[in-house]
Amino acid sequence: MPWKASSVMEERLRFVARLLDGEAMTDVCRDFGVSRKTGYKIFDRYKEHGLSALSDRSRRPVRYANQLPQQVESLIVRLKAEKPHWGARKIRELLVRRLGGDVRVPAKSTIHAVSRSPRPGQAWRRAAPPHARHAAVRGRHAQ
């Protein structure tokens, strides 16, 4: 006899159907192997939003707490393009002077990361892989 394959949504639908038939939450949760807290969460979502609430929801965060404002990031990129020989420390000092107390100036490490990140149309410059560097060093010593 072949195994029955079922999706998460089908299982949740069966779960809700048994609750709607009048079975006790504790018994249904035990049969499905979920906690009562999870069972109530599924059932409450179903009552509030209908069948669409039984599908999987995105786990993507709504916002990113430490994300730089787009204006600050583009300013860093522009400054680095204008002055490619400047490092993160010098760019940060310029931002502190320019922005003053209006905007929180990012850390030196953040400025370095932003100025080093690839932008559209820019190719990464790759160094030789570590094993190639070691081989070159061994080759010099062997001679």
Protein backbone atom coordinates (compact mmCIF):
# COMPACT_ATOMS: atom_id res chain seq x y z
CA MET A 1 0.00 0.00 0.00
CA PRO A 2 1.57 3.36 -1.04
CA TRP A 3 2.08 6.22 1.40
CA LYS A 4 -0.35 9.09 1.22
CA ALA A 5 1.37 12.38 0.53
CA SER A 6 -0.33 15.47 1.86
CA SER A 7 0.61 19.09 2.01
CA VAL A 8 0.72 21.25 5.11
CA MET A 9 -2.34 23.13 3.91
CA GLU A 10 -4.32 19.87 3.52
CA GLU A 11 -3.35 18.84 7.06
CA ARG A 12 -4.44 22.20 8.44
CA LEU A 13 -7.71 21.91 6.53
CA ARG A 14 -8.36 18.47 8.02
CA PHE A 15 -7.44 19.89 11.45
CA VAL A 16 -9.97 22.74 11.12
CA ALA A 17 -12.64 20.41 9.69
CA ARG A 18 -12.43 18.16 12.74
CA LEU A 19 -12.76 21.18 15.03
CA LEU A 20 -15.78 22.40 13.07
CA ASP A 21 -17.34 18.93 13.46
CA GLY A 22 -17.29 19.51 17.21
CA GLU A 23 -14.27 17.52 18.36
CA ALA A 24 -12.36 18.81 21.37
CA MET A 25 -9.27 20.94 20.70
CA THR A 26 -7.13 18.81 23.02
CA ASP A 27 -7.94 15.56 21.19
CA VAL A 28 -7.43 17.01 17.72
CA CYS A 29 -4.12 18.61 18.71
CA ARG A 30 -2.92 15.32 20.20
CA ASP A 31 -3.83 13.44 16.98
CA PHE A 32 -2.03 15.96 14.77
CA GLY A 33 0.98 16.26 17.08
CA VAL A 34 0.75 20.00 17.69
CA SER A 35 0.49 21.99 20.90
CA ARG A 36 -2.85 23.45 21.92
CA LYS A 37 -1.37 26.92 21.54
CA THR A 38 -0.54 26.17 17.89
CA GLY A 39 -3.97 24.59 17.41
CA TYR A 40 -5.74 27.69 18.67
CA LYS A 41 -3.52 29.88 16.51
CA ILE A 42 -4.41 27.90 13.37
CA PHE A 43 -8.12 27.85 14.22
CA ASP A 44 -8.27 31.56 15.09
CA ARG A 45 -6.55 32.45 11.82
CA TYR A 46 -9.05 30.32 9.94
CA LYS A 47 -12.00 32.01 11.67
CA GLU A 48 -10.59 35.45 10.92
CA HIS A 49 -9.31 35.03 7.32
CA GLY A 50 -10.89 31.85 5.94
CA LEU A 51 -9.14 29.23 3.81
CA SER A 52 -6.33 31.57 2.72
CA ALA A 53 -5.09 31.66 6.32
CA LEU A 54 -4.22 27.96 6.19
CA SER A 55 -1.45 28.39 3.62
CA ASP A 56 2.16 28.95 4.68
CA ARG A 57 3.06 32.52 5.53
CA SER A 58 6.27 34.31 4.63
CA ARG A 59 8.98 34.33 7.30
CA ARG A 60 10.63 37.39 5.81
CA PRO A 61 10.94 40.19 8.36
CA VAL A 62 8.71 43.20 7.87
CA ARG A 63 11.63 45.57 8.46
CA TYR A 64 15.37 45.36 9.03
CA ALA A 65 16.35 47.10 12.24
CA ASN A 66 19.92 48.03 11.32
CA GLN A 67 19.51 48.78 7.63
CA LEU A 68 21.11 52.01 6.48
CA PRO A 69 18.82 54.67 5.01
CA GLN A 70 19.11 54.64 1.22
CA GLN A 71 20.23 58.29 1.13
CA VAL A 72 23.17 57.64 3.49
CA GLU A 73 24.21 54.54 1.57
CA SER A 74 24.12 56.33 -1.78
CA LEU A 75 26.09 59.24 -0.27
CA ILE A 76 28.80 56.82 0.88
CA VAL A 77 28.95 55.21 -2.57
CA ARG A 78 29.11 58.62 -4.26
CA LEU A 79 31.89 59.85 -1.95
CA LYS A 80 33.90 56.68 -2.55
CA ALA A 81 33.48 57.13 -6.32
CA GLU A 82 34.62 60.75 -6.12
CA LYS A 83 37.57 59.98 -3.84
CA PRO A 84 38.57 56.33 -4.47
CA HIS A 85 41.78 56.67 -2.43
CA TRP A 86 39.87 57.68 0.73
CA GLY A 87 39.28 55.05 3.36
CA ALA A 88 36.28 54.46 5.58
CA ARG A 89 37.67 56.57 8.43
CA LYS A 90 38.07 59.68 6.28
CA ILE A 91 34.64 59.20 4.66
CA ARG A 92 33.09 58.85 8.11
CA GLU A 93 34.68 62.10 9.29
CA LEU A 94 33.30 63.88 6.25
CA LEU A 95 29.83 62.44 6.94
CA VAL A 96 30.01 63.59 10.57
CA ARG A 97 30.81 67.13 9.42
CA ARG A 98 28.22 67.13 6.65
CA LEU A 99 25.30 65.45 8.42
CA GLY A 100 25.99 66.82 11.89
CA GLY A 101 23.36 65.68 14.35
CA ASP A 102 20.62 65.27 11.73
CA VAL A 103 21.30 61.60 10.96
CA ARG A 104 23.14 58.94 12.93
CA VAL A 105 26.41 58.39 11.10
CA PRO A 106 27.24 54.70 10.57
CA ALA A 107 30.31 53.03 12.03
CA LYS A 108 33.61 52.91 10.16
CA SER A 109 33.17 49.17 9.54
CA THR A 110 29.73 49.75 7.99
CA ILE A 111 31.09 52.45 5.71
CA HIS A 112 33.90 50.10 4.68
CA ALA A 113 31.40 47.32 3.90
CA VAL A 114 29.18 49.63 1.85
CA SER A 115 32.07 51.11 -0.10
CA ARG A 116 33.43 47.62 -0.88
CA SER A 117 30.12 46.06 -1.97
CA PRO A 118 29.70 45.50 -5.71
CA ARG A 119 27.36 47.79 -7.54
CA PRO A 120 25.49 47.06 -10.78
CA GLY A 121 27.93 46.96 -13.66
CA GLN A 122 30.96 46.54 -11.40
CA ALA A 123 32.82 43.24 -11.48
CA TRP A 124 34.49 41.72 -8.44
CA ARG A 125 38.24 41.63 -8.54
CA ARG A 126 39.24 38.24 -7.28
CA ALA A 127 42.57 37.47 -5.72
CA ALA A 128 44.30 34.19 -6.42
CA PRO A 129 42.80 31.34 -4.42
CA PRO A 130 44.67 30.49 -1.20
CA HIS A 131 46.06 27.19 -2.51
CA ALA A 132 47.61 28.99 -5.51
CA ARG A 133 49.31 31.52 -3.25
CA HIS A 134 50.72 28.75 -1.07
CA ALA A 135 51.95 26.87 -4.12
CA ALA A 136 53.73 29.99 -5.35
CA VAL A 137 55.38 30.48 -1.97
CA ARG A 138 56.49 26.83 -1.80
CA GLY A 139 57.81 27.05 -5.33
CA ARG A 140 60.02 30.04 -4.46
CA HIS A 141 61.49 28.32 -1.42
CA ALA A 142 62.17 25.12 -3.28
CA GLN A 143 64.46 26.83 -5.80
